[in-house]
Amino acid sequence: MNEFNNIFGNANRSANTVWISTTDMMSGLMIVFMFIAITYMLLVDRKSDQTYEIVREWDRSKTSLVEALHDEFDKDLMKWEAMINDSELSITFSKPEILFEPGKSVLKPDFQIILNNFFPRYLKRLDKHKGLIAEIRIEGHTSKEWLNSTDTDAYLNNMELSQDRTRSVLSHCLINIGHLISEELTWARKKITANGLSSSNLFFSDGIYDKEKSRRVEFRIRTNAEERIEIILARR
């Protein structure tokens, strides 16, 4: 009987030992999982804080840049027939009879004079915000019409025209004016692009298509905020 009790007692102790070991192991795993979860949450919070700070920094920088453009050009906009769009970070020249002859890509003398005045001042202002800038876009926009053409042919003809016009603007800015702003051009040349967009972005006033204002040239800034946020999100 004593021998039976000894055997049974030893079995109970072995079972208890196995149970205690399993319990300790499960507790340890739970602690590990909790540590991983807490670490992940801290990393997510840190990334969220970084993303939020980038957005705030971008907003402050954008506001500062918009104010700089207004300070520099507000007195000239009326005589240039131009306007600043704050949300788009763009300056639009929208008086077609000043810009080009109909269907031509050669800059008219009046527009050359405007660019000679505008472009050096523009780059000098941008120089103080160059860390924000991903691209300086020279955009050419046309109306949707083209004499005796189908819609498709008109679009393609206007695409070629708008591309030729933006190249003319870019060429004038870099060649005819570049020597006045050689220091700023060192970085800006890597950012400036010429983009002919045909009639893909027509101008509407109160919902009504405006043929004349659709024929325009825009200097638009694309910031690098999106790229910086995407890099942070990719690291999560």
Foldseek 3Di string as FASTA:
>chain_A
DVVVVVVVVVVVVVVVVVVVVVVVVVVVVVVVVVVVVVVVVVLVVVLVVVLVVLVVVLVVLLVVLLVLVCVQPVVPCVVQVWDADSVQRKIKRQQVVQADDVLDQAGDPNVLVVCLVPVLSSLVSCVVVVLFFQAWEKEFFAFQDDPPDDSVVSQVSQQVNRQSNQVNSVCCCCPVRVVVRVVSCVPRVVHYDYGYDYHPDFDDDPNHTDRRRRGMIMTGTDTCSVVVSVVSVVVD
